[in-house]
């Protein structure tokens, strides 16, 4: 009986020992398997080595030159402000000066005024002296008071001989025009060197005559 108990106990111990050995062996096999499973996972997540970057001169293409931005158009308000302000560098416009008139002597008038000239041409000789329409014994004419003194006024249709002798005006011209506004005949009154008044007239035949006036 005692032997049977010992034998049974020994058998139990053997079974227990065998179970422990099998469990340990299975655990040992499980650990490498787990390690083997982790290694591929680690291999999967392993970062690839960074690629070597080539020098910028080889890989980087030449960048195009930046385009110059065109200046934006000013707003209407700015344009108006700019136009209102005069440029400081530009000189201010000077007022137009009147053209100087040159002196025309009575003897030059005799040569330059001739029968057939237009009214405009005759008045150019007289430096655009403003005429006055008068009625004389020979008909209507335009009287030109050439270079009068300040304040001189003459309302007479006849030549102002006394004013000419006194130097109140350089000369007095009477021109008779045709309906076509061309010179038909004319008379020039002026002072001589000795202070006398003289009349020069052309009656339309191209031959001028002189008369000394008292």
C-alpha atoms as a PDB file:
ATOM      1  CA  UNK A   1       0.000   0.000   0.000  1.00  0.00           C
ATOM      2  CA  UNK A   2       2.760   2.337   0.914  1.00  0.00           C
ATOM      3  CA  UNK A   3       4.560   1.500  -2.302  1.00  0.00           C
ATOM      4  CA  UNK A   4       1.483   2.309  -4.294  1.00  0.00           C
ATOM      5  CA  UNK A   5       1.224   5.703  -2.640  1.00  0.00           C
ATOM      6  CA  UNK A   6       4.864   6.420  -3.335  1.00  0.00           C
ATOM      7  CA  UNK A   7       4.450   5.275  -6.920  1.00  0.00           C
ATOM      8  CA  UNK A   8       1.371   7.471  -7.357  1.00  0.00           C
ATOM      9  CA  UNK A   9       3.148  10.441  -5.847  1.00  0.00           C
ATOM     10  CA  UNK A  10       6.118   9.893  -8.100  1.00  0.00           C
ATOM     11  CA  UNK A  11       3.820   9.681 -11.097  1.00  0.00           C
ATOM     12  CA  UNK A  12       2.115  12.912 -10.096  1.00  0.00           C
ATOM     13  CA  UNK A  13       5.448  14.614  -9.684  1.00  0.00           C
ATOM     14  CA  UNK A  14       6.573  13.407 -13.092  1.00  0.00           C
ATOM     15  CA  UNK A  15       3.382  14.643 -14.675  1.00  0.00           C
ATOM     16  CA  UNK A  16       3.752  17.996 -12.925  1.00  0.00           C
ATOM     17  CA  UNK A  17       7.387  18.221 -13.946  1.00  0.00           C
ATOM     18  CA  UNK A  18       6.519  17.353 -17.515  1.00  0.00           C
ATOM     19  CA  UNK A  19       3.781  19.965 -17.496  1.00  0.00           C
ATOM     20  CA  UNK A  20       6.146  22.585 -16.214  1.00  0.00           C
ATOM     21  CA  UNK A  21       8.726  21.704 -18.833  1.00  0.00           C
ATOM     22  CA  UNK A  22       6.167  21.862 -21.619  1.00  0.00           C
ATOM     23  CA  UNK A  23       4.863  25.200 -20.375  1.00  0.00           C
ATOM     24  CA  UNK A  24       8.380  26.610 -20.179  1.00  0.00           C
ATOM     25  CA  UNK A  25       9.167  25.352 -23.630  1.00  0.00           C
ATOM     26  CA  UNK A  26       6.016  26.881 -25.006  1.00  0.00           C
ATOM     27  CA  UNK A  27       6.818  30.181 -23.319  1.00  0.00           C
ATOM     28  CA  UNK A  28      10.317  30.127 -24.758  1.00  0.00           C
ATOM     29  CA  UNK A  29       8.891  29.490 -28.189  1.00  0.00           C
ATOM     30  CA  UNK A  30       6.324  32.255 -27.757  1.00  0.00           C
ATOM     31  CA  UNK A  31       8.921  34.862 -26.796  1.00  0.00           C
ATOM     32  CA  UNK A  32      11.035  34.497 -29.955  1.00  0.00           C
ATOM     33  CA  UNK A  33       7.900  34.456 -32.016  1.00  0.00           C
ATOM     34  CA  UNK A  34       6.790  37.700 -30.481  1.00  0.00           C
ATOM     35  CA  UNK A  35      10.249  39.136 -30.993  1.00  0.00           C
ATOM     36  CA  UNK A  36      10.177  37.942 -34.568  1.00  0.00           C
ATOM     37  CA  UNK A  37       6.803  39.599 -35.084  1.00  0.00           C
ATOM     38  CA  UNK A  38       8.049  42.885 -33.630  1.00  0.00           C
ATOM     39  CA  UNK A  39      11.154  42.951 -35.805  1.00  0.00           C
ATOM     40  CA  UNK A  40       9.214  43.193 -39.082  1.00  0.00           C
ATOM     41  CA  UNK A  41       7.070  45.908 -37.586  1.00  0.00           C
ATOM     42  CA  UNK A  42      10.178  47.776 -36.594  1.00  0.00           C
ATOM     43  CA  UNK A  43      11.596  47.177 -40.021  1.00  0.00           C
ATOM     44  CA  UNK A  44       8.433  48.598 -41.538  1.00  0.00           C
ATOM     45  CA  UNK A  45       8.587  51.821 -39.616  1.00  0.00           C
ATOM     46  CA  UNK A  46      12.306  52.294 -39.982  1.00  0.00           C
ATOM     47  CA  UNK A  47      12.881  55.624 -41.713  1.00  0.00           C
ATOM     48  CA  UNK A  48      14.688  55.529 -44.945  1.00  0.00           C
ATOM     49  CA  UNK A  49      17.980  57.344 -44.932  1.00  0.00           C
ATOM     50  CA  UNK A  50      17.712  60.902 -46.165  1.00  0.00           C
ATOM     51  CA  UNK A  51      18.708  61.316 -49.743  1.00  0.00           C
ATOM     52  CA  UNK A  52      21.776  63.316 -50.332  1.00  0.00           C
ATOM     53  CA  UNK A  53      20.913  66.723 -51.634  1.00  0.00           C
ATOM     54  CA  UNK A  54      22.838  67.850 -54.607  1.00  0.00           C
ATOM     55  CA  UNK A  55      24.342  71.320 -54.715  1.00  0.00           C
ATOM     56  CA  UNK A  56      21.881  74.093 -55.433  1.00  0.00           C
ATOM     57  CA  UNK A  57      23.615  74.861 -58.700  1.00  0.00           C
ATOM     58  CA  UNK A  58      22.702  71.432 -60.061  1.00  0.00           C
ATOM     59  CA  UNK A  59      19.224  70.931 -58.677  1.00  0.00           C
ATOM     60  CA  UNK A  60      17.840  74.450 -58.357  1.00  0.00           C
ATOM     61  CA  UNK A  61      16.889  76.011 -61.726  1.00  0.00           C
ATOM     62  CA  UNK A  62      17.704  79.634 -62.253  1.00  0.00           C
ATOM     63  CA  UNK A  63      14.931  81.708 -60.860  1.00  0.00           C
ATOM     64  CA  UNK A  64      13.488  84.184 -63.369  1.00  0.00           C
ATOM     65  CA  UNK A  65      14.131  87.828 -62.661  1.00  0.00           C
ATOM     66  CA  UNK A  66      11.239  89.330 -60.753  1.00  0.00           C
ATOM     67  CA  UNK A  67       8.996  91.322 -62.978  1.00  0.00           C
ATOM     68  CA  UNK A  68       8.931  95.007 -62.262  1.00  0.00           C
ATOM     69  CA  UNK A  69       5.555  96.088 -61.136  1.00  0.00           C
ATOM     70  CA  UNK A  70       4.079  98.863 -63.187  1.00  0.00           C
ATOM     71  CA  UNK A  71       3.074 101.878 -61.118  1.00  0.00           C
ATOM     72  CA  UNK A  72      -0.562 101.789 -60.397  1.00  0.00           C
ATOM     73  CA  UNK A  73      -2.653 104.476 -62.013  1.00  0.00           C
ATOM     74  CA  UNK A  74      -3.485 107.235 -59.561  1.00  0.00           C
ATOM     75  CA  UNK A  75      -7.022 107.640 -58.498  1.00  0.00           C
ATOM     76  CA  UNK A  76      -9.086 110.356 -60.097  1.00  0.00           C
ATOM     77  CA  UNK A  77      -8.819 112.456 -56.992  1.00  0.00           C
ATOM     78  CA  UNK A  78      -5.014 112.190 -56.999  1.00  0.00           C
ATOM     79  CA  UNK A  79      -4.857 113.098 -60.674  1.00  0.00           C
ATOM     80  CA  UNK A  80      -6.948 116.165 -60.097  1.00  0.00           C
ATOM     81  CA  UNK A  81      -4.719 117.176 -57.213  1.00  0.00           C
ATOM     82  CA  UNK A  82      -1.616 116.730 -59.339  1.00  0.00           C
ATOM     83  CA  UNK A  83      -2.990 118.793 -62.192  1.00  0.00           C
ATOM     84  CA  UNK A  84      -3.981 121.618 -59.896  1.00  0.00           C
ATOM     85  CA  UNK A  85      -0.510 121.993 -58.415  1.00  0.00           C
ATOM     86  CA  UNK A  86       1.885 123.735 -60.825  1.00  0.00           C
ATOM     87  CA  UNK A  87       5.267 122.131 -61.299  1.00  0.00           C
ATOM     88  CA  UNK A  88       7.826 123.863 -59.137  1.00  0.00           C
ATOM     89  CA  UNK A  89      10.614 123.322 -61.646  1.00  0.00           C
ATOM     90  CA  UNK A  90       8.744 124.909 -64.526  1.00  0.00           C
ATOM     91  CA  UNK A  91       9.043 128.671 -64.746  1.00  0.00           C
ATOM     92  CA  UNK A  92       5.849 130.645 -64.585  1.00  0.00           C
ATOM     93  CA  UNK A  93       4.557 131.745 -67.937  1.00  0.00           C
ATOM     94  CA  UNK A  94       5.364 135.330 -68.624  1.00  0.00           C
ATOM     95  CA  UNK A  95       2.589 137.506 -70.012  1.00  0.00           C
ATOM     96  CA  UNK A  96       2.782 137.992 -73.737  1.00  0.00           C
ATOM     97  CA  UNK A  97       4.582 141.174 -74.576  1.00  0.00           C
ATOM     98  CA  UNK A  98       3.148 143.520 -77.130  1.00  0.00           C
ATOM     99  CA  UNK A  99       5.143 143.795 -80.294  1.00  0.00           C
ATOM    100  CA  UNK A 100       7.157 146.970 -80.500  1.00  0.00           C
ATOM    101  CA  UNK A 101       5.999 149.304 -83.244  1.00  0.00           C
ATOM    102  CA  UNK A 102       8.657 151.001 -85.300  1.00  0.00           C
ATOM    103  CA  UNK A 103       8.416 154.604 -86.295  1.00  0.00           C
ATOM    104  CA  UNK A 104       7.226 155.296 -89.830  1.00  0.00           C
ATOM    105  CA  UNK A 105       8.068 158.748 -91.064  1.00  0.00           C
ATOM    106  CA  UNK A 106       5.641 160.679 -93.292  1.00  0.00           C
ATOM    107  CA  UNK A 107       8.058 160.282 -96.187  1.00  0.00           C
ATOM    108  CA  UNK A 108       8.020 156.487 -95.754  1.00  0.00           C
ATOM    109  CA  UNK A 109       4.230 156.637 -95.750  1.00  0.00           C
ATOM    110  CA  UNK A 110       4.332 158.351 -99.129  1.00  0.00           C
ATOM    111  CA  UNK A 111       6.281 155.414-100.574  1.00  0.00           C
ATOM    112  CA  UNK A 112       4.458 152.567 -98.829  1.00  0.00           C
ATOM    113  CA  UNK A 113       0.858 153.751 -99.230  1.00  0.00           C
ATOM    114  CA  UNK A 114      -0.205 153.512-102.828  1.00  0.00           C
ATOM    115  CA  UNK A 115      -3.343 153.355-104.919  1.00  0.00           C
ATOM    116  CA  UNK A 116      -4.869 149.861-104.958  1.00  0.00           C
ATOM    117  CA  UNK A 117      -3.647 148.693-101.544  1.00  0.00           C
ATOM    118  CA  UNK A 118      -6.204 146.896 -99.422  1.00  0.00           C
ATOM    119  CA  UNK A 119      -7.432 148.472 -96.215  1.00  0.00           C
ATOM    120  CA  UNK A 120      -5.496 145.900 -94.180  1.00  0.00           C
ATOM    121  CA  UNK A 121      -2.269 146.594 -96.048  1.00  0.00           C
ATOM    122  CA  UNK A 122      -2.631 150.341 -95.627  1.00  0.00           C
ATOM    123  CA  UNK A 123      -3.321 149.989 -91.909  1.00  0.00           C
ATOM    124  CA  UNK A 124      -0.275 147.750 -91.513  1.00  0.00           C
ATOM    125  CA  UNK A 125       1.833 150.655 -92.762  1.00  0.00           C
ATOM    126  CA  UNK A 126       0.198 152.913 -90.201  1.00  0.00           C
ATOM    127  CA  UNK A 127       0.939 150.452 -87.372  1.00  0.00           C
ATOM    128  CA  UNK A 128      -2.751 149.593 -87.002  1.00  0.00           C
ATOM    129  CA  UNK A 129      -3.692 153.109 -85.908  1.00  0.00           C
ATOM    130  CA  UNK A 130      -7.389 153.149 -85.080  1.00  0.00           C
ATOM    131  CA  UNK A 131      -9.223 155.191 -87.743  1.00  0.00           C
ATOM    132  CA  UNK A 132     -12.158 157.567 -87.371  1.00  0.00           C
ATOM    133  CA  UNK A 133     -14.736 157.864 -90.129  1.00  0.00           C
ATOM    134  CA  UNK A 134     -15.240 161.468 -91.248  1.00  0.00           C
ATOM    135  CA  UNK A 135     -17.051 163.263 -94.048  1.00  0.00           C
ATOM    136  CA  UNK A 136     -14.994 165.814 -95.940  1.00  0.00           C
ATOM    137  CA  UNK A 137     -15.754 168.075 -98.908  1.00  0.00           C
ATOM    138  CA  UNK A 138     -14.556 165.247-101.169  1.00  0.00           C
ATOM    139  CA  UNK A 139     -16.627 162.509 -99.554  1.00  0.00           C
ATOM    140  CA  UNK A 140     -16.305 159.968 -96.768  1.00  0.00           C
ATOM    141  CA  UNK A 141     -12.846 159.003 -95.589  1.00  0.00           C
ATOM    142  CA  UNK A 142     -11.057 157.330 -92.707  1.00  0.00           C
ATOM    143  CA  UNK A 143      -8.829 159.619 -90.694  1.00  0.00           C
ATOM    144  CA  UNK A 144      -5.754 158.157 -88.968  1.00  0.00           C
ATOM    145  CA  UNK A 145      -4.116 160.185 -86.187  1.00  0.00           C
ATOM    146  CA  UNK A 146      -0.558 158.834 -86.164  1.00  0.00           C
ATOM    147  CA  UNK A 147       1.327 158.909 -82.822  1.00  0.00           C
ATOM    148  CA  UNK A 148      -0.857 161.442 -80.981  1.00  0.00           C
ATOM    149  CA  UNK A 149       0.086 162.726 -77.549  1.00  0.00           C
ATOM    150  CA  UNK A 150      -1.846 161.494 -74.532  1.00  0.00           C
ATOM    151  CA  UNK A 151      -5.206 163.172 -74.259  1.00  0.00           C
ATOM    152  CA  UNK A 152      -5.290 164.413 -77.844  1.00  0.00           C
ATOM    153  CA  UNK A 153      -8.771 164.416 -79.391  1.00  0.00           C
ATOM    154  CA  UNK A 154      -9.878 165.734 -82.739  1.00  0.00           C
ATOM    155  CA  UNK A 155     -13.466 165.726 -83.896  1.00  0.00           C
ATOM    156  CA  UNK A 156     -12.949 167.866 -86.965  1.00  0.00           C
ATOM    157  CA  UNK A 157     -13.294 166.474 -90.468  1.00  0.00           C
ATOM    158  CA  UNK A 158     -10.602 168.827 -91.710  1.00  0.00           C
ATOM    159  CA  UNK A 159      -6.906 168.270 -91.020  1.00  0.00           C
ATOM    160  CA  UNK A 160      -5.776 169.597 -87.626  1.00  0.00           C
ATOM    161  CA  UNK A 161      -2.956 171.756 -88.946  1.00  0.00           C
ATOM    162  CA  UNK A 162      -2.372 173.633 -85.684  1.00  0.00           C
ATOM    163  CA  UNK A 163      -2.024 170.414 -83.687  1.00  0.00           C
ATOM    164  CA  UNK A 164       0.441 169.081 -86.264  1.00  0.00           C
ATOM    165  CA  UNK A 165       2.537 172.252 -86.100  1.00  0.00           C
ATOM    166  CA  UNK A 166       2.451 172.114 -82.274  1.00  0.00           C
ATOM    167  CA  UNK A 167       3.686 168.503 -82.287  1.00  0.00           C
ATOM    168  CA  UNK A 168       0.563 167.088 -80.662  1.00  0.00           C
ATOM    169  CA  UNK A 169       0.598 164.336 -83.260  1.00  0.00           C
ATOM    170  CA  UNK A 170       3.194 163.145 -85.727  1.00  0.00           C
ATOM    171  CA  UNK A 171       0.970 163.119 -88.792  1.00  0.00           C
ATOM    172  CA  UNK A 172      -2.625 162.853 -89.933  1.00  0.00           C
ATOM    173  CA  UNK A 173      -3.715 160.685 -92.841  1.00  0.00           C
ATOM    174  CA  UNK A 174      -6.989 160.700 -94.758  1.00  0.00           C
ATOM    175  CA  UNK A 175      -7.657 157.652 -96.939  1.00  0.00           C
ATOM    176  CA  UNK A 176     -10.580 157.287 -99.304  1.00  0.00           C
ATOM    177  CA  UNK A 177     -11.463 153.665-100.015  1.00  0.00           C
ATOM    178  CA  UNK A 178     -13.390 152.064-102.842  1.00  0.00           C
ATOM    179  CA  UNK A 179     -16.442 149.858-102.137  1.00  0.00           C
ATOM    180  CA  UNK A 180     -14.019 146.934-102.411  1.00  0.00           C
ATOM    181  CA  UNK A 181     -11.944 148.412 -99.548  1.00  0.00           C
ATOM    182  CA  UNK A 182      -8.926 149.321-101.646  1.00  0.00           C
ATOM    183  CA  UNK A 183      -7.136 152.673-101.554  1.00  0.00           C
ATOM    184  CA  UNK A 184      -8.677 155.062-104.070  1.00  0.00           C
ATOM    185  CA  UNK A 185      -6.823 158.226-103.002  1.00  0.00           C
ATOM    186  CA  UNK A 186      -5.166 159.572 -99.869  1.00  0.00           C
ATOM    187  CA  UNK A 187      -3.688 162.647 -98.186  1.00  0.00           C
ATOM    188  CA  UNK A 188      -0.897 162.943 -95.619  1.00  0.00           C
ATOM    189  CA  UNK A 189      -0.436 165.976 -93.365  1.00  0.00           C
ATOM    190  CA  UNK A 190       2.758 166.408 -91.351  1.00  0.00           C
ATOM    191  CA  UNK A 191       5.281 168.975 -90.141  1.00  0.00           C
ATOM    192  CA  UNK A 192       8.425 170.004 -91.968  1.00  0.00           C
ATOM    193  CA  UNK A 193      11.835 170.462 -90.382  1.00  0.00           C
ATOM    194  CA  UNK A 194      11.300 174.221 -90.141  1.00  0.00           C
ATOM    195  CA  UNK A 195       8.000 173.766 -88.223  1.00  0.00           C
ATOM    196  CA  UNK A 196       5.574 174.338 -91.097  1.00  0.00           C
ATOM    197  CA  UNK A 197       2.685 172.040 -92.020  1.00  0.00           C
ATOM    198  CA  UNK A 198       2.687 170.324 -95.395  1.00  0.00           C
ATOM    199  CA  UNK A 199       0.051 168.423 -97.322  1.00  0.00           C
ATOM    200  CA  UNK A 200       0.920 165.481 -99.571  1.00  0.00           C
ATOM    201  CA  UNK A 201      -1.903 164.126-101.708  1.00  0.00           C
ATOM    202  CA  UNK A 202      -2.371 161.438-104.337  1.00  0.00           C
ATOM    203  CA  UNK A 203      -5.661 161.810-106.199  1.00  0.00           C
ATOM    204  CA  UNK A 204      -5.530 158.346-107.715  1.00  0.00           C
ATOM    205  CA  UNK A 205      -3.239 158.965-110.673  1.00  0.00           C
ATOM    206  CA  UNK A 206      -0.091 157.848-108.841  1.00  0.00           C
ATOM    207  CA  UNK A 207       1.404 161.331-108.920  1.00  0.00           C
ATOM    208  CA  UNK A 208       1.739 162.928-105.491  1.00  0.00           C
ATOM    209  CA  UNK A 209       1.780 166.691-104.976  1.00  0.00           C
ATOM    210  CA  UNK A 210       2.995 168.780-102.025  1.00  0.00           C
ATOM    211  CA  UNK A 211       1.419 171.945-100.655  1.00  0.00           C
ATOM    212  CA  UNK A 212       2.793 174.101 -97.847  1.00  0.00           C
ATOM    213  CA  UNK A 213       0.075 175.140 -95.393  1.00  0.00           C
ATOM    214  CA  UNK A 214       0.076 178.310 -93.305  1.00  0.00           C
END
